Amino acid sequence: MNQKSIKDRIASINSTRKITRAMKMVAAAKVKKCENAVKASRPFTKEMNEMLYKLLDAVDIQADEEKKPEKPSQNWRVLLEKRTTKNVGLLVISSDKGLAGAYNANVVRYAVKEINKYAALGIGAKVFVVGQKGLNVLKREQRNINFEIVKTYPAFIEGGSAALGTVIGEDMSTSFVNGEIDEMKIITTRFRNMMSYSVEEWEILPMTQKPQDVESLSKEMDFEPSLPVMLHYLVPFYIANIIYQALLEATASELASRMTAMSAACNNADEMIRTLTVDYNKARQCAITQEITEVVSGADALS
């Protein structure tokens, strides 16, 4: 490799390093904010889930007063009923952008594994996809696996918004009430720290048996308004909140993965530049030595 090609390659790697360093700095600036949002929202989500379990445990002993549902997510009696699973609704949360290490690949691989598992049990899968990267791969996987992509959503930076959770929850609730799906699940990543996350499947509906550490409400308690009316408002909020929590966890995981990947790319670029600089200096020294040799040889020939 001559000096010019080595110099051009060093310049190219330097240009790439500037991009990866900028992306690392942007991700590092955003991930801390997302991490704080995740940690702040986890206690609320946990308490919300426990409260709903308590209310469901007590609703049978209350008056049968109800409020007519205005939208599918408020039809709590249908949403909370357990029925034979023919189709499962999967919300797969990926990102719109790449250069995040193996983040999107891990999410989609897990989703495909779950879809195959359901197919082996004779259960269909209807998929709701957040993020363009997941959508692109799942569309290709449809050639090999029989599942339906029902709806797609853009992945918003910094955890999306509570409004997005409401929109997705309403769409999935509509499919559930219409009998198109019999379960609601989320495939997302749980943020652990700046260096790690885990891909998980969260169950939204049907709600499984109440955890043992959740105490039952006293049968002597009175509620105003009645429990059915409270569930009319709480069930939609529960669905939207757990989806929003999944979006927060996924965004924090994605940014942490991108920061780690860009940091590794910067380190690799630095190492390549050091190696190429040594090669460039060697090539330059060889060229100088050759020129000196030619000058000396020419002088000897003239003497």
C-alpha atoms as a PDB file:
ATOM      1  CA  MET A   1       0.000   0.000   0.000  1.00  0.00           C
ATOM      2  CA  ASN A   2       1.512   3.341  -1.053  1.00  0.00           C
ATOM      3  CA  GLN A   3       1.618   6.545   0.977  1.00  0.00           C
ATOM      4  CA  LYS A   4      -1.330   8.191  -0.782  1.00  0.00           C
ATOM      5  CA  SER A   5      -3.716   5.255  -0.240  1.00  0.00           C
ATOM      6  CA  ILE A   6      -2.690   4.997   3.431  1.00  0.00           C
ATOM      7  CA  LYS A   7      -3.166   8.742   3.903  1.00  0.00           C
ATOM      8  CA  ASP A   8      -6.596   8.601   2.225  1.00  0.00           C
ATOM      9  CA  ARG A   9      -7.642   5.700   4.450  1.00  0.00           C
ATOM     10  CA  ILE A  10      -6.528   7.528   7.598  1.00  0.00           C
ATOM     11  CA  ALA A  11      -8.577  10.555   6.519  1.00  0.00           C
ATOM     12  CA  SER A  12     -11.607   8.341   5.889  1.00  0.00           C
ATOM     13  CA  ILE A  13     -11.343   6.677   9.306  1.00  0.00           C
ATOM     14  CA  ASN A  14     -10.894  10.078  10.937  1.00  0.00           C
ATOM     15  CA  SER A  15     -14.127  11.239   9.317  1.00  0.00           C
ATOM     16  CA  THR A  16     -15.958   8.137  10.535  1.00  0.00           C
ATOM     17  CA  ARG A  17     -14.533   8.604  14.029  1.00  0.00           C
ATOM     18  CA  LYS A  18     -15.955  12.134  14.184  1.00  0.00           C
ATOM     19  CA  ILE A  19     -19.432  10.759  13.398  1.00  0.00           C
ATOM     20  CA  THR A  20     -19.264   7.904  15.906  1.00  0.00           C
ATOM     21  CA  ARG A  21     -17.876  10.219  18.601  1.00  0.00           C
ATOM     22  CA  ALA A  22     -20.718  12.691  18.005  1.00  0.00           C
ATOM     23  CA  MET A  23     -23.300   9.889  18.194  1.00  0.00           C
ATOM     24  CA  LYS A  24     -21.715   8.614  21.405  1.00  0.00           C
ATOM     25  CA  MET A  25     -21.914  12.071  22.979  1.00  0.00           C
ATOM     26  CA  VAL A  26     -25.554  12.530  21.931  1.00  0.00           C
ATOM     27  CA  ALA A  27     -26.530   9.111  23.306  1.00  0.00           C
ATOM     28  CA  ALA A  28     -24.624   9.757  26.542  1.00  0.00           C
ATOM     29  CA  ALA A  29     -26.417  13.086  26.987  1.00  0.00           C
ATOM     30  CA  LYS A  30     -29.850  11.488  26.524  1.00  0.00           C
ATOM     31  CA  VAL A  31     -29.427   8.155  28.283  1.00  0.00           C
ATOM     32  CA  LYS A  32     -29.095   9.665  31.754  1.00  0.00           C
ATOM     33  CA  LYS A  33     -32.387  11.511  31.337  1.00  0.00           C
ATOM     34  CA  CYS A  34     -34.061   8.300  30.153  1.00  0.00           C
ATOM     35  CA  GLU A  35     -32.517   6.309  33.001  1.00  0.00           C
ATOM     36  CA  ASN A  36     -33.955   8.773  35.522  1.00  0.00           C
ATOM     37  CA  ALA A  37     -37.381   8.572  33.853  1.00  0.00           C
ATOM     38  CA  VAL A  38     -37.317   4.756  33.981  1.00  0.00           C
ATOM     39  CA  LYS A  39     -36.329   4.621  37.633  1.00  0.00           C
ATOM     40  CA  ALA A  40     -38.903   7.250  38.564  1.00  0.00           C
ATOM     41  CA  SER A  41     -41.760   5.468  36.771  1.00  0.00           C
ATOM     42  CA  ARG A  42     -41.106   1.913  38.014  1.00  0.00           C
ATOM     43  CA  PRO A  43     -42.578   2.394  41.528  1.00  0.00           C
ATOM     44  CA  PHE A  44     -45.716   3.982  40.072  1.00  0.00           C
ATOM     45  CA  THR A  45     -46.194   1.131  37.586  1.00  0.00           C
ATOM     46  CA  LYS A  46     -45.686  -1.458  40.337  1.00  0.00           C
ATOM     47  CA  GLU A  47     -48.227   0.221  42.637  1.00  0.00           C
ATOM     48  CA  MET A  48     -50.671   0.647  39.763  1.00  0.00           C
ATOM     49  CA  ASN A  49     -50.537  -3.063  38.953  1.00  0.00           C
ATOM     50  CA  GLU A  50     -50.943  -4.076  42.605  1.00  0.00           C
ATOM     51  CA  MET A  51     -53.886  -1.735  43.063  1.00  0.00           C
ATOM     52  CA  LEU A  52     -55.644  -3.189  40.033  1.00  0.00           C
ATOM     53  CA  TYR A  53     -55.125  -6.729  41.349  1.00  0.00           C
ATOM     54  CA  LYS A  54     -56.694  -5.679  44.648  1.00  0.00           C
ATOM     55  CA  LEU A  55     -59.709  -4.112  42.939  1.00  0.00           C
ATOM     56  CA  LEU A  56     -60.252  -7.132  40.700  1.00  0.00           C
ATOM     57  CA  ASP A  57     -60.120  -9.382  43.731  1.00  0.00           C
ATOM     58  CA  ALA A  58     -62.878  -7.353  45.389  1.00  0.00           C
ATOM     59  CA  VAL A  59     -65.110  -6.449  42.454  1.00  0.00           C
ATOM     60  CA  ASP A  60     -67.330  -9.534  42.709  1.00  0.00           C
ATOM     61  CA  ILE A  61     -68.612  -8.492  46.137  1.00  0.00           C
ATOM     62  CA  GLN A  62     -69.614  -5.006  45.019  1.00  0.00           C
ATOM     63  CA  ALA A  63     -72.873  -3.744  43.555  1.00  0.00           C
ATOM     64  CA  ASP A  64     -73.235  -4.449  39.865  1.00  0.00           C
ATOM     65  CA  GLU A  65     -73.335  -0.760  38.969  1.00  0.00           C
ATOM     66  CA  GLU A  66     -71.602  -0.115  35.667  1.00  0.00           C
ATOM     67  CA  LYS A  67     -70.798   2.729  33.306  1.00  0.00           C
ATOM     68  CA  LYS A  68     -71.344   2.160  29.600  1.00  0.00           C
ATOM     69  CA  PRO A  69     -67.959   1.972  27.822  1.00  0.00           C
ATOM     70  CA  GLU A  70     -67.339   4.758  25.341  1.00  0.00           C
ATOM     71  CA  LYS A  71     -64.302   3.044  23.785  1.00  0.00           C
ATOM     72  CA  PRO A  72     -62.952  -0.532  23.684  1.00  0.00           C
ATOM     73  CA  SER A  73     -60.309   0.042  26.385  1.00  0.00           C
ATOM     74  CA  GLN A  74     -63.107   0.869  28.876  1.00  0.00           C
ATOM     75  CA  ASN A  75     -64.906  -2.430  28.254  1.00  0.00           C
ATOM     76  CA  TRP A  76     -63.153  -3.935  31.254  1.00  0.00           C
ATOM     77  CA  ARG A  77     -65.383  -7.000  31.679  1.00  0.00           C
ATOM     78  CA  VAL A  78     -64.469  -8.216  28.169  1.00  0.00           C
ATOM     79  CA  LEU A  79     -60.819  -7.209  28.507  1.00  0.00           C
ATOM     80  CA  LEU A  80     -60.357  -9.026  31.803  1.00  0.00           C
ATOM     81  CA  GLU A  81     -62.102 -12.261  30.878  1.00  0.00           C
ATOM     82  CA  LYS A  82     -59.939 -15.329  30.360  1.00  0.00           C
ATOM     83  CA  ARG A  83     -60.676 -17.278  27.209  1.00  0.00           C
ATOM     84  CA  THR A  84     -59.108 -19.934  25.010  1.00  0.00           C
ATOM     85  CA  THR A  85     -56.127 -18.438  23.209  1.00  0.00           C
ATOM     86  CA  LYS A  86     -56.440 -18.661  19.448  1.00  0.00           C
ATOM     87  CA  ASN A  87     -54.442 -15.542  18.600  1.00  0.00           C
ATOM     88  CA  VAL A  88     -51.999 -13.567  20.708  1.00  0.00           C
ATOM     89  CA  GLY A  89     -51.334  -9.866  20.190  1.00  0.00           C
ATOM     90  CA  LEU A  90     -47.615  -9.064  20.420  1.00  0.00           C
ATOM     91  CA  LEU A  91     -46.306  -5.520  20.729  1.00  0.00           C
ATOM     92  CA  VAL A  92     -42.675  -5.566  19.533  1.00  0.00           C
ATOM     93  CA  ILE A  93     -40.696  -2.460  20.510  1.00  0.00           C
ATOM     94  CA  SER A  94     -37.633  -1.670  18.387  1.00  0.00           C
ATOM     95  CA  SER A  95     -36.057   1.598  17.195  1.00  0.00           C
ATOM     96  CA  ASP A  96     -36.148   3.740  14.062  1.00  0.00           C
ATOM     97  CA  LYS A  97     -32.368   4.104  13.909  1.00  0.00           C
ATOM     98  CA  GLY A  98     -29.518   1.637  13.645  1.00  0.00           C
ATOM     99  CA  LEU A  99     -25.937   1.844  14.957  1.00  0.00           C
ATOM    100  CA  ALA A 100     -27.118   0.608  18.354  1.00  0.00           C
ATOM    101  CA  GLY A 101     -25.078  -2.561  18.526  1.00  0.00           C
ATOM    102  CA  ALA A 102     -27.150  -5.749  18.675  1.00  0.00           C
ATOM    103  CA  TYR A 103     -30.159  -4.023  20.248  1.00  0.00           C
ATOM    104  CA  ASN A 104     -32.652  -4.385  17.387  1.00  0.00           C
ATOM    105  CA  ALA A 105     -31.323  -7.803  16.375  1.00  0.00           C
ATOM    106  CA  ASN A 106     -31.836  -9.129  19.916  1.00  0.00           C
ATOM    107  CA  VAL A 107     -35.411  -7.812  20.104  1.00  0.00           C
ATOM    108  CA  VAL A 108     -36.444  -9.197  16.720  1.00  0.00           C
ATOM    109  CA  ARG A 109     -34.723 -12.536  17.343  1.00  0.00           C
ATOM    110  CA  TYR A 110     -36.655 -12.928  20.584  1.00  0.00           C
ATOM    111  CA  ALA A 111     -39.899 -11.940  18.848  1.00  0.00           C
ATOM    112  CA  VAL A 112     -39.378 -14.493  16.076  1.00  0.00           C
ATOM    113  CA  LYS A 113     -38.625 -17.187  18.657  1.00  0.00           C
ATOM    114  CA  GLU A 114     -41.884 -16.403  20.492  1.00  0.00           C
ATOM    115  CA  ILE A 115     -43.898 -16.370  17.261  1.00  0.00           C
ATOM    116  CA  ASN A 116     -42.453 -19.782  16.357  1.00  0.00           C
ATOM    117  CA  LYS A 117     -43.288 -21.063  19.839  1.00  0.00           C
ATOM    118  CA  TYR A 118     -46.917 -19.970  19.495  1.00  0.00           C
ATOM    119  CA  ALA A 119     -47.118 -21.429  15.983  1.00  0.00           C
ATOM    120  CA  ALA A 120     -45.964 -24.800  17.330  1.00  0.00           C
ATOM    121  CA  LEU A 121     -48.894 -24.663  19.783  1.00  0.00           C
ATOM    122  CA  GLY A 122     -51.348 -23.801  17.015  1.00  0.00           C
ATOM    123  CA  ILE A 123     -51.697 -20.200  18.209  1.00  0.00           C
ATOM    124  CA  GLY A 124     -51.625 -17.356  15.698  1.00  0.00           C
ATOM    125  CA  ALA A 125     -49.698 -14.122  16.215  1.00  0.00           C
ATOM    126  CA  LYS A 126     -50.874 -10.629  15.381  1.00  0.00           C
ATOM    127  CA  VAL A 127     -47.991  -8.205  15.718  1.00  0.00           C
ATOM    128  CA  PHE A 128     -48.004  -4.507  16.531  1.00  0.00           C
ATOM    129  CA  VAL A 129     -44.565  -3.033  15.772  1.00  0.00           C
ATOM    130  CA  VAL A 130     -42.884   0.072  17.186  1.00  0.00           C
ATOM    131  CA  GLY A 131     -39.842   1.190  15.186  1.00  0.00           C
ATOM    132  CA  GLN A 132     -38.786   0.904  11.555  1.00  0.00           C
ATOM    133  CA  LYS A 133     -35.856  -1.442  12.219  1.00  0.00           C
ATOM    134  CA  GLY A 134     -38.055  -4.120  13.741  1.00  0.00           C
ATOM    135  CA  LEU A 135     -40.642  -3.689  11.004  1.00  0.00           C
ATOM    136  CA  ASN A 136     -38.089  -4.196   8.222  1.00  0.00           C
ATOM    137  CA  VAL A 137     -36.841  -7.500   9.648  1.00  0.00           C
ATOM    138  CA  LEU A 138     -40.291  -8.828  10.587  1.00  0.00           C
ATOM    139  CA  LYS A 139     -41.540  -8.173   7.052  1.00  0.00           C
ATOM    140  CA  ARG A 140     -38.731 -10.367   5.746  1.00  0.00           C
ATOM    141  CA  GLU A 141     -39.515 -13.042   8.352  1.00  0.00           C
ATOM    142  CA  GLN A 142     -43.100 -13.253   7.059  1.00  0.00           C
ATOM    143  CA  ARG A 143     -41.755 -15.245   4.130  1.00  0.00           C
ATOM    144  CA  ASN A 144     -40.842 -18.069   6.515  1.00  0.00           C
ATOM    145  CA  ILE A 145     -43.378 -17.664   9.355  1.00  0.00           C
ATOM    146  CA  ASN A 146     -47.126 -17.178   9.154  1.00  0.00           C
ATOM    147  CA  PHE A 147     -48.068 -14.126  11.241  1.00  0.00           C
ATOM    148  CA  GLU A 148     -49.827 -10.820  10.652  1.00  0.00           C
ATOM    149  CA  ILE A 149     -48.438  -7.331  11.142  1.00  0.00           C
ATOM    150  CA  VAL A 150     -51.515  -5.407  12.260  1.00  0.00           C
ATOM    151  CA  LYS A 151     -50.168  -1.905  12.796  1.00  0.00           C
ATOM    152  CA  THR A 152     -46.889  -0.021  13.005  1.00  0.00           C
ATOM    153  CA  TYR A 153     -45.806   3.005  15.019  1.00  0.00           C
ATOM    154  CA  PRO A 154     -42.756   5.297  14.892  1.00  0.00           C
ATOM    155  CA  ALA A 155     -40.242   5.012  17.725  1.00  0.00           C
ATOM    156  CA  PHE A 156     -39.917   8.372  19.437  1.00  0.00           C
ATOM    157  CA  ILE A 157     -36.699   9.537  21.064  1.00  0.00           C
ATOM    158  CA  GLU A 158     -36.541   9.679  24.858  1.00  0.00           C
ATOM    159  CA  GLY A 159     -39.230   7.130  25.517  1.00  0.00           C
ATOM    160  CA  GLY A 160     -41.917   8.313  23.155  1.00  0.00           C
ATOM    161  CA  SER A 161     -44.837   9.809  25.031  1.00  0.00           C
ATOM    162  CA  ALA A 162     -47.693   8.801  27.268  1.00  0.00           C
ATOM    163  CA  ALA A 163     -49.954   9.618  24.320  1.00  0.00           C
ATOM    164  CA  LEU A 164     -48.262   6.914  22.238  1.00  0.00           C
ATOM    165  CA  GLY A 165     -48.926   4.372  24.987  1.00  0.00           C
ATOM    166  CA  THR A 166     -52.595   5.392  24.966  1.00  0.00           C
ATOM    167  CA  VAL A 167     -52.841   5.058  21.168  1.00  0.00           C
ATOM    168  CA  ILE A 168     -51.220   1.618  21.126  1.00  0.00           C
ATOM    169  CA  GLY A 169     -53.305   0.470  24.098  1.00  0.00           C
ATOM    170  CA  GLU A 170     -56.505   1.555  22.371  1.00  0.00           C
ATOM    171  CA  ASP A 171     -55.566  -0.281  19.155  1.00  0.00           C
ATOM    172  CA  MET A 172     -54.742  -3.498  21.008  1.00  0.00           C
ATOM    173  CA  SER A 173     -57.885  -3.204  23.151  1.00  0.00           C
ATOM    174  CA  THR A 174     -59.983  -2.844  20.005  1.00  0.00           C
ATOM    175  CA  SER A 175     -58.514  -6.062  18.609  1.00  0.00           C
ATOM    176  CA  PHE A 176     -59.132  -7.814  21.948  1.00  0.00           C
ATOM    177  CA  VAL A 177     -62.762  -6.677  22.287  1.00  0.00           C
ATOM    178  CA  ASN A 178     -63.437  -7.596  18.653  1.00  0.00           C
ATOM    179  CA  GLY A 179     -62.156 -11.126  19.306  1.00  0.00           C
ATOM    180  CA  GLU A 180     -59.180 -10.774  16.961  1.00  0.00           C
ATOM    181  CA  ILE A 181     -56.710 -11.489  19.778  1.00  0.00           C
ATOM    182  CA  ASP A 182     -57.131 -13.309  23.090  1.00  0.00           C
ATOM    183  CA  GLU A 183     -53.964 -12.147  24.874  1.00  0.00           C
ATOM    184  CA  MET A 184     -51.915  -8.936  24.970  1.00  0.00           C
ATOM    185  CA  LYS A 185     -48.154  -9.164  25.403  1.00  0.00           C
ATOM    186  CA  ILE A 186     -45.155  -6.882  24.958  1.00  0.00           C
ATOM    187  CA  ILE A 187     -41.683  -7.832  23.754  1.00  0.00           C
ATOM    188  CA  THR A 188     -39.354  -5.124  25.020  1.00  0.00           C
ATOM    189  CA  THR A 189     -36.038  -4.658  26.810  1.00  0.00           C
ATOM    190  CA  ARG A 190     -35.646  -4.031  30.534  1.00  0.00           C
ATOM    191  CA  PHE A 191     -32.966  -1.448  31.248  1.00  0.00           C
ATOM    192  CA  ARG A 192     -30.519  -2.638  33.911  1.00  0.00           C
ATOM    193  CA  ASN A 193     -27.568  -0.257  33.688  1.00  0.00           C
ATOM    194  CA  MET A 194     -25.454   1.576  31.137  1.00  0.00           C
ATOM    195  CA  MET A 195     -23.812  -1.672  30.068  1.00  0.00           C
ATOM    196  CA  SER A 196     -26.637  -4.192  30.052  1.00  0.00           C
ATOM    197  CA  TYR A 197     -30.301  -4.829  29.341  1.00  0.00           C
ATOM    198  CA  SER A 198     -32.433  -7.935  28.913  1.00  0.00           C
ATOM    199  CA  VAL A 199     -35.082  -8.774  26.326  1.00  0.00           C
ATOM    200  CA  GLU A 200     -38.326  -9.761  28.042  1.00  0.00           C
ATOM    201  CA  GLU A 201     -41.938 -10.636  27.334  1.00  0.00           C
ATOM    202  CA  TRP A 202     -44.445  -8.752  29.487  1.00  0.00           C
ATOM    203  CA  GLU A 203     -48.020  -9.892  29.895  1.00  0.00           C
ATOM    204  CA  ILE A 204     -50.721  -7.216  29.803  1.00  0.00           C
ATOM    205  CA  LEU A 205     -53.898  -9.268  29.495  1.00  0.00           C
ATOM    206  CA  PRO A 206     -55.261 -11.547  30.749  1.00  0.00           C
ATOM    207  CA  MET A 207     -54.032 -10.695  34.228  1.00  0.00           C
ATOM    208  CA  THR A 208     -52.670 -13.791  35.930  1.00  0.00           C
ATOM    209  CA  GLN A 209     -53.322 -14.814  39.516  1.00  0.00           C
ATOM    210  CA  LYS A 210     -52.689 -12.080  42.072  1.00  0.00           C
ATOM    211  CA  PRO A 211     -49.122 -12.123  43.459  1.00  0.00           C
ATOM    212  CA  GLN A 212     -48.830 -13.503  46.992  1.00  0.00           C
ATOM    213  CA  ASP A 213     -47.322 -10.301  48.401  1.00  0.00           C
ATOM    214  CA  VAL A 214     -50.396  -8.248  47.360  1.00  0.00           C
ATOM    215  CA  GLU A 215     -52.875  -8.038  50.215  1.00  0.00           C
ATOM    216  CA  SER A 216     -56.603  -8.304  49.576  1.00  0.00           C
ATOM    217  CA  LEU A 217     -58.938  -5.408  50.276  1.00  0.00           C
ATOM    218  CA  SER A 218     -61.251  -5.634  53.255  1.00  0.00           C
ATOM    219  CA  LYS A 219     -64.763  -6.748  52.363  1.00  0.00           C
ATOM    220  CA  GLU A 220     -66.072  -4.043  54.656  1.00  0.00           C
ATOM    221  CA  MET A 221     -64.598  -1.262  52.530  1.00  0.00           C
ATOM    222  CA  ASP A 222     -66.989   0.956  50.599  1.00  0.00           C
ATOM    223  CA  PHE A 223     -66.022   2.616  47.333  1.00  0.00           C
ATOM    224  CA  GLU A 224     -67.257   5.832  45.803  1.00  0.00           C
ATOM    225  CA  PRO A 225     -67.786   5.558  42.933  1.00  0.00           C
ATOM    226  CA  SER A 226     -68.438   1.835  42.778  1.00  0.00           C
ATOM    227  CA  LEU A 227     -65.683  -0.593  41.822  1.00  0.00           C
ATOM    228  CA  PRO A 228     -67.097  -1.276  38.330  1.00  0.00           C
ATOM    229  CA  VAL A 229     -67.044   2.464  37.631  1.00  0.00           C
ATOM    230  CA  MET A 230     -63.480   2.716  38.945  1.00  0.00           C
ATOM    231  CA  LEU A 231     -62.379  -0.164  36.710  1.00  0.00           C
ATOM    232  CA  HIS A 232     -64.068   1.598  33.794  1.00  0.00           C
ATOM    233  CA  TYR A 233     -61.357   4.267  34.109  1.00  0.00           C
ATOM    234  CA  LEU A 234     -58.485   2.312  35.632  1.00  0.00           C
ATOM    235  CA  VAL A 235     -58.219  -0.554  33.136  1.00  0.00           C
ATOM    236  CA  PRO A 236     -57.484   1.750  30.148  1.00  0.00           C
ATOM    237  CA  PHE A 237     -54.983   3.622  32.301  1.00  0.00           C
ATOM    238  CA  TYR A 238     -53.327   0.352  33.345  1.00  0.00           C
ATOM    239  CA  ILE A 239     -52.934  -0.782  29.712  1.00  0.00           C
ATOM    240  CA  ALA A 240     -51.566   2.585  28.540  1.00  0.00           C
ATOM    241  CA  ASN A 241     -49.236   2.850  31.538  1.00  0.00           C
ATOM    242  CA  ILE A 242     -47.620  -0.561  31.140  1.00  0.00           C
ATOM    243  CA  ILE A 243     -47.052   0.133  27.425  1.00  0.00           C
ATOM    244  CA  TYR A 244     -45.544   3.515  28.280  1.00  0.00           C
ATOM    245  CA  GLN A 245     -43.272   1.840  30.842  1.00  0.00           C
ATOM    246  CA  ALA A 246     -42.127  -0.604  28.154  1.00  0.00           C
ATOM    247  CA  LEU A 247     -41.374   2.323  25.815  1.00  0.00           C
ATOM    248  CA  LEU A 248     -39.311   4.035  28.504  1.00  0.00           C
ATOM    249  CA  GLU A 249     -37.345   0.861  29.262  1.00  0.00           C
ATOM    250  CA  ALA A 250     -36.736   0.201  25.563  1.00  0.00           C
ATOM    251  CA  THR A 251     -35.534   3.727  24.807  1.00  0.00           C
ATOM    252  CA  ALA A 252     -33.114   3.752  27.734  1.00  0.00           C
ATOM    253  CA  SER A 253     -31.778   0.339  26.638  1.00  0.00           C
ATOM    254  CA  GLU A 254     -31.408   1.506  23.039  1.00  0.00           C
ATOM    255  CA  LEU A 255     -29.503   4.662  23.967  1.00  0.00           C
ATOM    256  CA  ALA A 256     -27.219   2.751  26.341  1.00  0.00           C
ATOM    257  CA  SER A 257     -26.559   0.166  23.621  1.00  0.00           C
ATOM    258  CA  ARG A 258     -25.829   2.912  21.082  1.00  0.00           C
ATOM    259  CA  MET A 259     -23.463   4.685  23.473  1.00  0.00           C
ATOM    260  CA  THR A 260     -21.574   1.433  24.099  1.00  0.00           C
ATOM    261  CA  ALA A 261     -21.434   0.580  20.387  1.00  0.00           C
ATOM    262  CA  MET A 262     -20.213   4.054  19.391  1.00  0.00           C
ATOM    263  CA  SER A 263     -17.611   3.994  22.171  1.00  0.00           C
ATOM    264  CA  ALA A 264     -16.293   0.685  20.832  1.00  0.00           C
ATOM    265  CA  ALA A 265     -16.313   2.117  17.281  1.00  0.00           C
ATOM    266  CA  CYS A 266     -14.284   5.144  18.436  1.00  0.00           C
ATOM    267  CA  ASN A 267     -11.744   2.882  20.155  1.00  0.00           C
ATOM    268  CA  ASN A 268     -11.450   0.688  17.048  1.00  0.00           C
ATOM    269  CA  ALA A 269     -10.986   3.768  14.863  1.00  0.00           C
ATOM    270  CA  ASP A 270      -8.216   5.063  17.142  1.00  0.00           C
ATOM    271  CA  GLU A 271      -6.470   1.685  16.988  1.00  0.00           C
ATOM    272  CA  MET A 272      -6.747   1.537  13.183  1.00  0.00           C
ATOM    273  CA  ILE A 273      -5.377   5.080  12.859  1.00  0.00           C
ATOM    274  CA  ARG A 274      -2.406   4.199  15.079  1.00  0.00           C
ATOM    275  CA  THR A 275      -1.667   1.104  12.970  1.00  0.00           C
ATOM    276  CA  LEU A 276      -2.053   2.970   9.679  1.00  0.00           C
ATOM    277  CA  THR A 277       0.117   5.840  10.936  1.00  0.00           C
ATOM    278  CA  VAL A 278       2.912   3.357  11.642  1.00  0.00           C
ATOM    279  CA  ASP A 279       2.444   1.873   8.150  1.00  0.00           C
ATOM    280  CA  TYR A 280       2.480   5.370   6.642  1.00  0.00           C
ATOM    281  CA  ASN A 281       5.699   6.278   8.438  1.00  0.00           C
ATOM    282  CA  LYS A 282       7.308   3.025   7.293  1.00  0.00           C
ATOM    283  CA  ALA A 283       6.249   3.649   3.686  1.00  0.00           C
ATOM    284  CA  ARG A 284       7.500   7.242   3.897  1.00  0.00           C
ATOM    285  CA  GLN A 285      10.841   6.106   5.360  1.00  0.00           C
ATOM    286  CA  CYS A 286      11.200   3.490   2.631  1.00  0.00           C
ATOM    287  CA  ALA A 287      10.547   6.128  -0.032  1.00  0.00           C
ATOM    288  CA  ILE A 288      13.121   8.499   1.516  1.00  0.00           C
ATOM    289  CA  THR A 289      15.673   5.694   1.806  1.00  0.00           C
ATOM    290  CA  GLN A 290      15.081   4.717  -1.817  1.00  0.00           C
ATOM    291  CA  GLU A 291      15.542   8.319  -2.991  1.00  0.00           C
ATOM    292  CA  ILE A 292      18.790   8.654  -1.044  1.00  0.00           C
ATOM    293  CA  THR A 293      20.011   5.359  -2.493  1.00  0.00           C
ATOM    294  CA  GLU A 294      19.197   6.551  -6.019  1.00  0.00           C
ATOM    295  CA  VAL A 295      20.995   9.870  -5.458  1.00  0.00           C
ATOM    296  CA  VAL A 296      24.087   8.105  -4.072  1.00  0.00           C
ATOM    297  CA  SER A 297      24.059   5.573  -6.919  1.00  0.00           C
ATOM    298  CA  GLY A 298      23.793   8.371  -9.488  1.00  0.00           C
ATOM    299  CA  ALA A 299      26.668  10.262  -7.878  1.00  0.00           C
ATOM    300  CA  ASP A 300      28.839   7.106  -7.904  1.00  0.00           C
ATOM    301  CA  ALA A 301      28.060   6.575 -11.576  1.00  0.00           C
ATOM    302  CA  LEU A 302      29.169  10.123 -12.464  1.00  0.00           C
ATOM    303  CA  SER A 303      32.423   9.934 -10.480  1.00  0.00           C
END
